Amino acid sequence: MRAVLQRVTQASCTVDGNITGEIGHGFLVLLGIEDIDTAEDLQWLANKIVGMRVFGDENGLMNKALCDIDGNILLISQFTLFAQTKKGNRPSFLRAAKPDKAIPMYEQMITTLENLTGKKVATGIFGADMKISLLNDGPVTIIMDTRDKDNH
């Protein structure tokens, strides 16, 4: 599982001209799910997202987590995070989970993040042609991969 976290002052997702999710201060999270991902991977990543201390404290240092700033999450499913680009110029997405696995895991990530934050998670629509608008704050962008969880 891969996630790209972008610290934002605002972000929204639009599908067919309709806003499906929008937030103010918080994280835009682009989430890629792989066939080999497990419930353990999901829980580890959700805890990392919620606990990531990249929001400014009173001294301007990145020391606060999402809950410390009453922040929100906009979660967007993005299979292209598993693009393989080694050969040719057309990416391959063989590592990305198919919808029958990815949809339940995406939905579980929403539930897990809501349970951890105690807040509703804004979303896009799985598989839709989404238009994402954001104002990256910093900019601060963090890439996380559950394959790194065992590397100390």
C-alpha atoms as a PDB file:
ATOM      1  CA  MET A   1       0.000   0.000   0.000  1.00  0.00           C
ATOM      2  CA  ARG A   2       1.307   3.419  -0.878  1.00  0.00           C
ATOM      3  CA  ALA A   3       0.144   6.803   0.269  1.00  0.00           C
ATOM      4  CA  VAL A   4       1.099  10.282  -0.805  1.00  0.00           C
ATOM      5  CA  LEU A   5       0.236  12.736   1.971  1.00  0.00           C
ATOM      6  CA  GLN A   6       0.001  16.376   1.074  1.00  0.00           C
ATOM      7  CA  ARG A   7      -0.413  18.898   3.855  1.00  0.00           C
ATOM      8  CA  VAL A   8      -3.086  21.259   2.577  1.00  0.00           C
ATOM      9  CA  THR A   9      -4.950  24.355   3.621  1.00  0.00           C
ATOM     10  CA  GLN A  10      -7.801  23.194   1.387  1.00  0.00           C
ATOM     11  CA  ALA A  11      -8.557  20.325  -0.986  1.00  0.00           C
ATOM     12  CA  SER A  12     -11.551  19.032  -2.890  1.00  0.00           C
ATOM     13  CA  CYS A  13     -12.585  16.286  -5.293  1.00  0.00           C
ATOM     14  CA  THR A  14     -15.059  16.851  -8.097  1.00  0.00           C
ATOM     15  CA  VAL A  15     -16.718  14.176 -10.252  1.00  0.00           C
ATOM     16  CA  ASP A  16     -18.904  15.212 -13.197  1.00  0.00           C
ATOM     17  CA  GLY A  17     -19.029  18.779 -11.880  1.00  0.00           C
ATOM     18  CA  ASN A  18     -20.186  17.725  -8.394  1.00  0.00           C
ATOM     19  CA  ILE A  19     -18.012  18.033  -5.297  1.00  0.00           C
ATOM     20  CA  THR A  20     -17.751  14.593  -3.656  1.00  0.00           C
ATOM     21  CA  GLY A  21     -15.478  15.643  -0.828  1.00  0.00           C
ATOM     22  CA  GLU A  22     -13.742  18.750   0.442  1.00  0.00           C
ATOM     23  CA  ILE A  23     -11.669  19.750   3.441  1.00  0.00           C
ATOM     24  CA  GLY A  24      -9.926  22.751   4.902  1.00  0.00           C
ATOM     25  CA  HIS A  25      -6.667  22.315   6.822  1.00  0.00           C
ATOM     26  CA  GLY A  26      -5.400  18.719   6.899  1.00  0.00           C
ATOM     27  CA  PHE A  27      -4.188  15.964   4.575  1.00  0.00           C
ATOM     28  CA  LEU A  28      -5.004  15.116   1.002  1.00  0.00           C
ATOM     29  CA  VAL A  29      -4.129  11.406   0.903  1.00  0.00           C
ATOM     30  CA  LEU A  30      -3.663   9.637  -2.422  1.00  0.00           C
ATOM     31  CA  LEU A  31      -3.910   5.895  -1.706  1.00  0.00           C
ATOM     32  CA  GLY A  32      -2.635   3.065  -3.894  1.00  0.00           C
ATOM     33  CA  ILE A  33      -3.555  -0.520  -3.017  1.00  0.00           C
ATOM     34  CA  GLU A  34      -1.553  -3.547  -4.135  1.00  0.00           C
ATOM     35  CA  ASP A  35      -2.678  -7.202  -4.404  1.00  0.00           C
ATOM     36  CA  ILE A  36      -0.353  -8.278  -1.597  1.00  0.00           C
ATOM     37  CA  ASP A  37      -1.632  -5.697   0.907  1.00  0.00           C
ATOM     38  CA  THR A  38      -3.067  -6.996   4.176  1.00  0.00           C
ATOM     39  CA  ALA A  39      -5.224  -5.727   7.033  1.00  0.00           C
ATOM     40  CA  GLU A  40      -1.979  -5.282   8.988  1.00  0.00           C
ATOM     41  CA  ASP A  41      -0.620  -3.001   6.236  1.00  0.00           C
ATOM     42  CA  LEU A  42      -3.820  -0.971   6.302  1.00  0.00           C
ATOM     43  CA  GLN A  43      -3.737  -0.501  10.076  1.00  0.00           C
ATOM     44  CA  TRP A  44      -0.027   0.434  10.056  1.00  0.00           C
ATOM     45  CA  LEU A  45      -0.543   3.010   7.307  1.00  0.00           C
ATOM     46  CA  ALA A  46      -3.665   4.504   8.914  1.00  0.00           C
ATOM     47  CA  ASN A  47      -1.793   4.926  12.207  1.00  0.00           C
ATOM     48  CA  LYS A  48       1.127   6.560  10.384  1.00  0.00           C
ATOM     49  CA  ILE A  49      -1.153   8.975   8.538  1.00  0.00           C
ATOM     50  CA  VAL A  50      -2.975  10.048  11.695  1.00  0.00           C
ATOM     51  CA  GLY A  51       0.212  10.294  13.749  1.00  0.00           C
ATOM     52  CA  MET A  52       2.388  12.094  11.172  1.00  0.00           C
ATOM     53  CA  ARG A  53       3.704  15.233  12.885  1.00  0.00           C
ATOM     54  CA  VAL A  54       4.113  17.720  10.042  1.00  0.00           C
ATOM     55  CA  PHE A  55       1.906  20.580  11.187  1.00  0.00           C
ATOM     56  CA  GLY A  56       3.481  23.691  12.672  1.00  0.00           C
ATOM     57  CA  ASP A  57       3.580  24.307  16.404  1.00  0.00           C
ATOM     58  CA  GLU A  58       3.795  27.697  18.160  1.00  0.00           C
ATOM     59  CA  ASN A  59       7.504  27.874  17.236  1.00  0.00           C
ATOM     60  CA  GLY A  60       6.891  27.113  13.575  1.00  0.00           C
ATOM     61  CA  LEU A  61       8.350  23.607  13.881  1.00  0.00           C
ATOM     62  CA  MET A  62       6.663  20.572  12.299  1.00  0.00           C
ATOM     63  CA  ASN A  63       5.651  19.043  15.599  1.00  0.00           C
ATOM     64  CA  LYS A  64       1.880  18.581  15.531  1.00  0.00           C
ATOM     65  CA  ALA A  65      -0.267  15.728  14.237  1.00  0.00           C
ATOM     66  CA  LEU A  66      -3.659  15.929  12.556  1.00  0.00           C
ATOM     67  CA  CYS A  67      -5.594  15.719  15.848  1.00  0.00           C
ATOM     68  CA  ASP A  68      -3.523  18.537  17.356  1.00  0.00           C
ATOM     69  CA  ILE A  69      -4.724  20.974  14.689  1.00  0.00           C
ATOM     70  CA  ASP A  70      -8.293  19.589  14.377  1.00  0.00           C
ATOM     71  CA  GLY A  71      -7.412  18.674  10.782  1.00  0.00           C
ATOM     72  CA  ASN A  72      -9.338  16.645   8.242  1.00  0.00           C
ATOM     73  CA  ILE A  73      -8.565  14.040   5.581  1.00  0.00           C
ATOM     74  CA  LEU A  74      -9.564  13.857   1.930  1.00  0.00           C
ATOM     75  CA  LEU A  75      -8.848  10.265   0.819  1.00  0.00           C
ATOM     76  CA  ILE A  76      -8.524   9.545  -2.900  1.00  0.00           C
ATOM     77  CA  SER A  77      -7.987   6.078  -4.370  1.00  0.00           C
ATOM     78  CA  GLN A  78      -5.158   6.187  -6.923  1.00  0.00           C
ATOM     79  CA  PHE A  79      -4.029   2.943  -8.559  1.00  0.00           C
ATOM     80  CA  THR A  80      -1.448   4.838 -10.628  1.00  0.00           C
ATOM     81  CA  LEU A  81       0.798   4.995  -7.539  1.00  0.00           C
ATOM     82  CA  PHE A  82       1.810   1.454  -8.542  1.00  0.00           C
ATOM     83  CA  ALA A  83       2.815   2.369 -12.091  1.00  0.00           C
ATOM     84  CA  GLN A  84       5.791   0.394 -13.337  1.00  0.00           C
ATOM     85  CA  THR A  85       7.853   2.491 -15.721  1.00  0.00           C
ATOM     86  CA  LYS A  86      10.979   0.382 -16.247  1.00  0.00           C
ATOM     87  CA  LYS A  87      10.178  -0.632 -19.831  1.00  0.00           C
ATOM     88  CA  GLY A  88       8.952   1.665 -22.567  1.00  0.00           C
ATOM     89  CA  ASN A  89       6.918   4.812 -22.154  1.00  0.00           C
ATOM     90  CA  ARG A  90       3.557   3.299 -21.322  1.00  0.00           C
ATOM     91  CA  PRO A  91       3.249   2.511 -17.618  1.00  0.00           C
ATOM     92  CA  SER A  92       2.105  -0.909 -16.466  1.00  0.00           C
ATOM     93  CA  PHE A  93      -0.279  -1.193 -13.530  1.00  0.00           C
ATOM     94  CA  LEU A  94      -0.010  -4.952 -12.924  1.00  0.00           C
ATOM     95  CA  ARG A  95       0.895  -4.466  -9.246  1.00  0.00           C
ATOM     96  CA  ALA A  96      -2.214  -2.408  -8.514  1.00  0.00           C
ATOM     97  CA  ALA A  97      -5.009  -4.376  -6.871  1.00  0.00           C
ATOM     98  CA  LYS A  98      -8.072  -5.121  -8.974  1.00  0.00           C
ATOM     99  CA  PRO A  99     -11.352  -3.507  -7.840  1.00  0.00           C
ATOM    100  CA  ASP A 100     -12.610  -6.680  -6.096  1.00  0.00           C
ATOM    101  CA  LYS A 101      -9.733  -6.353  -3.609  1.00  0.00           C
ATOM    102  CA  ALA A 102      -9.085  -2.605  -3.779  1.00  0.00           C
ATOM    103  CA  ILE A 103     -12.639  -1.370  -3.122  1.00  0.00           C
ATOM    104  CA  PRO A 104     -13.115  -3.223   0.202  1.00  0.00           C
ATOM    105  CA  MET A 105      -9.633  -2.137   1.361  1.00  0.00           C
ATOM    106  CA  TYR A 106     -10.311   1.475   0.359  1.00  0.00           C
ATOM    107  CA  GLU A 107     -13.603   1.373   2.268  1.00  0.00           C
ATOM    108  CA  GLN A 108     -11.847  -0.187   5.272  1.00  0.00           C
ATOM    109  CA  MET A 109      -9.229   2.586   5.172  1.00  0.00           C
ATOM    110  CA  ILE A 110     -12.027   5.174   5.307  1.00  0.00           C
ATOM    111  CA  THR A 111     -13.573   3.443   8.342  1.00  0.00           C
ATOM    112  CA  THR A 112     -10.203   2.995  10.071  1.00  0.00           C
ATOM    113  CA  LEU A 113      -9.221   6.650   9.572  1.00  0.00           C
ATOM    114  CA  GLU A 114     -12.641   7.781  10.820  1.00  0.00           C
ATOM    115  CA  ASN A 115     -12.263   5.600  13.918  1.00  0.00           C
ATOM    116  CA  LEU A 116      -8.755   6.916  14.600  1.00  0.00           C
ATOM    117  CA  THR A 117      -9.636  10.586  14.084  1.00  0.00           C
ATOM    118  CA  GLY A 118     -13.218  10.588  15.342  1.00  0.00           C
ATOM    119  CA  LYS A 119     -14.110  12.597  12.226  1.00  0.00           C
ATOM    120  CA  LYS A 120     -15.732  11.938   8.876  1.00  0.00           C
ATOM    121  CA  VAL A 121     -13.216  11.344   6.080  1.00  0.00           C
ATOM    122  CA  ALA A 122     -13.963  13.165   2.827  1.00  0.00           C
ATOM    123  CA  THR A 123     -13.563  11.012  -0.294  1.00  0.00           C
ATOM    124  CA  GLY A 124     -13.624  10.818  -4.018  1.00  0.00           C
ATOM    125  CA  ILE A 125     -15.449   8.074  -5.926  1.00  0.00           C
ATOM    126  CA  PHE A 126     -13.514   4.868  -6.517  1.00  0.00           C
ATOM    127  CA  GLY A 127     -12.721   4.393 -10.213  1.00  0.00           C
ATOM    128  CA  ALA A 128     -14.276   7.685 -11.312  1.00  0.00           C
ATOM    129  CA  ASP A 129     -12.606  10.391 -13.370  1.00  0.00           C
ATOM    130  CA  MET A 130     -11.854  12.728 -10.478  1.00  0.00           C
ATOM    131  CA  LYS A 131     -10.631  16.304 -10.557  1.00  0.00           C
ATOM    132  CA  ILE A 132      -8.583  17.112  -7.478  1.00  0.00           C
ATOM    133  CA  SER A 133      -8.008  20.672  -6.371  1.00  0.00           C
ATOM    134  CA  LEU A 134      -5.601  21.484  -3.565  1.00  0.00           C
ATOM    135  CA  LEU A 135      -3.541  24.181  -1.988  1.00  0.00           C
ATOM    136  CA  ASN A 136      -0.412  22.406  -0.781  1.00  0.00           C
ATOM    137  CA  ASP A 137       0.784  23.992   2.454  1.00  0.00           C
ATOM    138  CA  GLY A 138       4.551  24.359   2.688  1.00  0.00           C
ATOM    139  CA  PRO A 139       4.705  22.506   0.356  1.00  0.00           C
ATOM    140  CA  VAL A 140       4.812  19.394   2.501  1.00  0.00           C
ATOM    141  CA  THR A 141       4.461  16.086   0.666  1.00  0.00           C
ATOM    142  CA  ILE A 142       5.285  12.731   2.282  1.00  0.00           C
ATOM    143  CA  ILE A 143       5.383   9.376   0.473  1.00  0.00           C
ATOM    144  CA  MET A 144       4.771   6.233   2.532  1.00  0.00           C
ATOM    145  CA  ASP A 145       4.904   2.599   1.494  1.00  0.00           C
ATOM    146  CA  THR A 146       3.881  -0.303   3.726  1.00  0.00           C
ATOM    147  CA  ARG A 147       6.827  -2.304   2.343  1.00  0.00           C
ATOM    148  CA  ASP A 148       9.003   0.058   4.431  1.00  0.00           C
ATOM    149  CA  LYS A 149       7.317  -0.829   7.739  1.00  0.00           C
ATOM    150  CA  ASP A 150       9.702  -3.712   8.436  1.00  0.00           C
ATOM    151  CA  ASN A 151      12.849  -1.729   7.562  1.00  0.00           C
ATOM    152  CA  HIS A 152      14.106  -0.029  10.705  1.00  0.00           C
END
